[in-house]
Amino acid sequence: MSDEICLLKRMYREFNARNIDAVLSVMQADVKWPNGWEGGYVVGHDAVRDYWTRQWAEIDPTVMPEGFEALDDGRLRVRVHQLIRDSAGKLLSDKIVNHTYRFDGGKISGMVIEAGA
């Protein structure tokens, strides 16, 4: 298993456990991260931390990687089962999405969210 796949599996576990510091530790300081909740992107650790803190106060997302695909350009695509619940636990969304990652120096430098198949 590649180092990047191991890193991403650990990152998804830490995200689901709401361990922001552990997730940020595998990202470049100037990471470009999608704001899948409100739209657009945020850049850098502080912006990602602020985004997730606001998001987790309103909704409860869980993301489970189901498959990994190395792309010809060096990126890595992850098929993700995404569940989103409201703060009372009501299921709002249950779908498959793709997260496609770029890496630099062994850390995540960016990610995009794409519709899953």
C-alpha atoms as a PDB file:
ATOM      1  CA  MET A   1       0.000   0.000   0.000  1.00  0.00           C
ATOM      2  CA  SER A   2       1.377   3.424  -0.919  1.00  0.00           C
ATOM      3  CA  ASP A   3       2.397   5.969   1.697  1.00  0.00           C
ATOM      4  CA  GLU A   4      -0.287   8.344   0.392  1.00  0.00           C
ATOM      5  CA  ILE A   5      -3.062   5.759   0.805  1.00  0.00           C
ATOM      6  CA  CYS A   6      -1.922   5.033   4.371  1.00  0.00           C
ATOM      7  CA  LEU A   7      -1.870   8.778   5.082  1.00  0.00           C
ATOM      8  CA  LEU A   8      -5.389   9.236   3.681  1.00  0.00           C
ATOM      9  CA  LYS A   9      -6.838   6.292   5.603  1.00  0.00           C
ATOM     10  CA  ARG A  10      -5.420   7.770   8.816  1.00  0.00           C
ATOM     11  CA  MET A  11      -6.700  11.234   7.866  1.00  0.00           C
ATOM     12  CA  TYR A  12     -10.269   9.974   7.322  1.00  0.00           C
ATOM     13  CA  ARG A  13     -10.215   8.177  10.703  1.00  0.00           C
ATOM     14  CA  GLU A  14      -8.993  11.342  12.437  1.00  0.00           C
ATOM     15  CA  PHE A  15     -11.527  13.526  10.611  1.00  0.00           C
ATOM     16  CA  ASN A  16     -14.379  11.264  11.713  1.00  0.00           C
ATOM     17  CA  ALA A  17     -13.003  11.416  15.292  1.00  0.00           C
ATOM     18  CA  ARG A  18     -12.951  15.259  14.992  1.00  0.00           C
ATOM     19  CA  ASN A  19      -9.205  15.381  15.683  1.00  0.00           C
ATOM     20  CA  ILE A  20      -8.424  18.551  13.726  1.00  0.00           C
ATOM     21  CA  ASP A  21      -4.756  18.744  14.750  1.00  0.00           C
ATOM     22  CA  ALA A  22      -4.044  15.211  13.514  1.00  0.00           C
ATOM     23  CA  VAL A  23      -5.706  15.951  10.174  1.00  0.00           C
ATOM     24  CA  LEU A  24      -3.904  19.266   9.726  1.00  0.00           C
ATOM     25  CA  SER A  25      -0.571  17.566  10.464  1.00  0.00           C
ATOM     26  CA  VAL A  26      -0.773  15.702   7.128  1.00  0.00           C
ATOM     27  CA  MET A  27      -1.494  18.888   5.146  1.00  0.00           C
ATOM     28  CA  GLN A  28       0.838  21.526   3.757  1.00  0.00           C
ATOM     29  CA  ALA A  29       0.598  24.842   5.639  1.00  0.00           C
ATOM     30  CA  ASP A  30      -0.929  26.477   2.523  1.00  0.00           C
ATOM     31  CA  VAL A  31      -3.307  23.618   1.671  1.00  0.00           C
ATOM     32  CA  LYS A  32      -6.204  24.496  -0.649  1.00  0.00           C
ATOM     33  CA  TRP A  33      -9.284  22.760   0.781  1.00  0.00           C
ATOM     34  CA  PRO A  34     -12.833  22.663  -0.627  1.00  0.00           C
ATOM     35  CA  ASN A  35     -15.601  24.171   1.455  1.00  0.00           C
ATOM     36  CA  GLY A  36     -18.114  21.500   0.527  1.00  0.00           C
ATOM     37  CA  TRP A  37     -20.662  22.889   2.958  1.00  0.00           C
ATOM     38  CA  GLU A  38     -20.810  26.571   1.949  1.00  0.00           C
ATOM     39  CA  GLY A  39     -18.990  26.535  -1.401  1.00  0.00           C
ATOM     40  CA  GLY A  40     -15.616  27.677  -2.650  1.00  0.00           C
ATOM     41  CA  TYR A  41     -12.260  26.912  -1.063  1.00  0.00           C
ATOM     42  CA  VAL A  42     -10.320  27.801   2.053  1.00  0.00           C
ATOM     43  CA  VAL A  43      -6.538  28.086   2.157  1.00  0.00           C
ATOM     44  CA  GLY A  44      -4.217  27.268   5.045  1.00  0.00           C
ATOM     45  CA  HIS A  45      -4.478  25.494   8.376  1.00  0.00           C
ATOM     46  CA  ASP A  46      -6.268  28.329  10.213  1.00  0.00           C
ATOM     47  CA  ALA A  47      -8.924  28.619   7.517  1.00  0.00           C
ATOM     48  CA  VAL A  48      -9.493  24.833   7.430  1.00  0.00           C
ATOM     49  CA  ARG A  49      -9.751  24.724  11.232  1.00  0.00           C
ATOM     50  CA  ASP A  50     -12.277  27.594  11.233  1.00  0.00           C
ATOM     51  CA  TYR A  51     -14.324  25.959   8.459  1.00  0.00           C
ATOM     52  CA  TRP A  52     -14.508  22.579  10.182  1.00  0.00           C
ATOM     53  CA  THR A  53     -15.276  24.117  13.581  1.00  0.00           C
ATOM     54  CA  ARG A  54     -18.223  26.020  12.088  1.00  0.00           C
ATOM     55  CA  GLN A  55     -19.363  23.020  10.065  1.00  0.00           C
ATOM     56  CA  TRP A  56     -19.272  20.570  12.982  1.00  0.00           C
ATOM     57  CA  ALA A  57     -21.340  22.964  15.098  1.00  0.00           C
ATOM     58  CA  GLU A  58     -24.163  22.652  12.539  1.00  0.00           C
ATOM     59  CA  ILE A  59     -23.842  19.252  10.855  1.00  0.00           C
ATOM     60  CA  ASP A  60     -22.203  15.899  11.550  1.00  0.00           C
ATOM     61  CA  PRO A  61     -20.422  14.533   8.455  1.00  0.00           C
ATOM     62  CA  THR A  62     -18.868  11.078   8.348  1.00  0.00           C
ATOM     63  CA  VAL A  63     -16.655  10.104   5.412  1.00  0.00           C
ATOM     64  CA  MET A  64     -15.557   6.519   4.771  1.00  0.00           C
ATOM     65  CA  PRO A  65     -13.044   5.745   2.023  1.00  0.00           C
ATOM     66  CA  GLU A  66     -14.117   2.795  -0.125  1.00  0.00           C
ATOM     67  CA  GLY A  67     -11.500   2.762  -2.886  1.00  0.00           C
ATOM     68  CA  PHE A  68      -8.349   4.450  -4.136  1.00  0.00           C
ATOM     69  CA  GLU A  69      -7.234   5.203  -7.695  1.00  0.00           C
ATOM     70  CA  ALA A  70      -3.836   6.574  -8.685  1.00  0.00           C
ATOM     71  CA  LEU A  71      -4.208   9.044 -11.567  1.00  0.00           C
ATOM     72  CA  ASP A  72      -1.657   9.520 -14.348  1.00  0.00           C
ATOM     73  CA  ASP A  73      -0.858  13.072 -13.205  1.00  0.00           C
ATOM     74  CA  GLY A  74       0.191  11.941  -9.699  1.00  0.00           C
ATOM     75  CA  ARG A  75      -3.068  12.770  -7.952  1.00  0.00           C
ATOM     76  CA  LEU A  76      -4.975  10.185  -5.942  1.00  0.00           C
ATOM     77  CA  ARG A  77      -8.749   9.782  -6.210  1.00  0.00           C
ATOM     78  CA  VAL A  78     -10.692   8.329  -3.276  1.00  0.00           C
ATOM     79  CA  ARG A  79     -14.205   6.946  -3.600  1.00  0.00           C
ATOM     80  CA  VAL A  80     -15.927   8.083  -0.391  1.00  0.00           C
ATOM     81  CA  HIS A  81     -19.211   7.101   1.240  1.00  0.00           C
ATOM     82  CA  GLN A  82     -20.418  10.349   2.803  1.00  0.00           C
ATOM     83  CA  LEU A  83     -23.124  10.525   5.466  1.00  0.00           C
ATOM     84  CA  ILE A  84     -24.312  13.889   6.744  1.00  0.00           C
ATOM     85  CA  ARG A  85     -26.571  14.234   9.769  1.00  0.00           C
ATOM     86  CA  ASP A  86     -27.986  17.306  11.450  1.00  0.00           C
ATOM     87  CA  SER A  87     -27.157  18.128  15.064  1.00  0.00           C
ATOM     88  CA  ALA A  88     -30.112  16.004  16.239  1.00  0.00           C
ATOM     89  CA  GLY A  89     -28.851  12.956  14.326  1.00  0.00           C
ATOM     90  CA  LYS A  90     -31.345  13.096  11.422  1.00  0.00           C
ATOM     91  CA  LEU A  91     -29.830  11.830   8.169  1.00  0.00           C
ATOM     92  CA  LEU A  92     -29.584  14.684   5.649  1.00  0.00           C
ATOM     93  CA  SER A  93     -27.474  13.041   2.948  1.00  0.00           C
ATOM     94  CA  ASP A  94     -26.143   9.578   2.097  1.00  0.00           C
ATOM     95  CA  LYS A  95     -24.112   9.503  -1.112  1.00  0.00           C
ATOM     96  CA  ILE A  96     -20.894   8.544  -2.847  1.00  0.00           C
ATOM     97  CA  VAL A  97     -18.441  11.308  -3.764  1.00  0.00           C
ATOM     98  CA  ASN A  98     -14.883  11.378  -5.053  1.00  0.00           C
ATOM     99  CA  HIS A  99     -12.142  13.263  -3.248  1.00  0.00           C
ATOM    100  CA  THR A 100      -9.113  13.880  -5.480  1.00  0.00           C
ATOM    101  CA  TYR A 101      -5.878  14.828  -3.705  1.00  0.00           C
ATOM    102  CA  ARG A 102      -2.623  16.497  -4.699  1.00  0.00           C
ATOM    103  CA  PHE A 103       0.511  15.889  -2.638  1.00  0.00           C
ATOM    104  CA  ASP A 104       3.710  17.832  -2.148  1.00  0.00           C
ATOM    105  CA  GLY A 105       6.580  16.678   0.048  1.00  0.00           C
ATOM    106  CA  GLY A 106       4.565  13.773   1.437  1.00  0.00           C
ATOM    107  CA  LYS A 107       1.698  15.998   2.587  1.00  0.00           C
ATOM    108  CA  ILE A 108      -1.652  16.972   1.094  1.00  0.00           C
ATOM    109  CA  SER A 109      -1.423  20.220  -0.860  1.00  0.00           C
ATOM    110  CA  GLY A 110      -5.000  20.285  -2.149  1.00  0.00           C
ATOM    111  CA  MET A 111      -8.232  18.395  -2.651  1.00  0.00           C
ATOM    112  CA  VAL A 112     -11.290  18.690  -4.864  1.00  0.00           C
ATOM    113  CA  ILE A 113     -14.714  17.102  -4.431  1.00  0.00           C
ATOM    114  CA  GLU A 114     -16.278  15.478  -7.478  1.00  0.00           C
ATOM    115  CA  ALA A 115     -19.566  13.680  -7.961  1.00  0.00           C
ATOM    116  CA  GLY A 116     -19.273   9.963  -7.396  1.00  0.00           C
ATOM    117  CA  ALA A 117     -20.529   7.206  -9.649  1.00  0.00           C
END
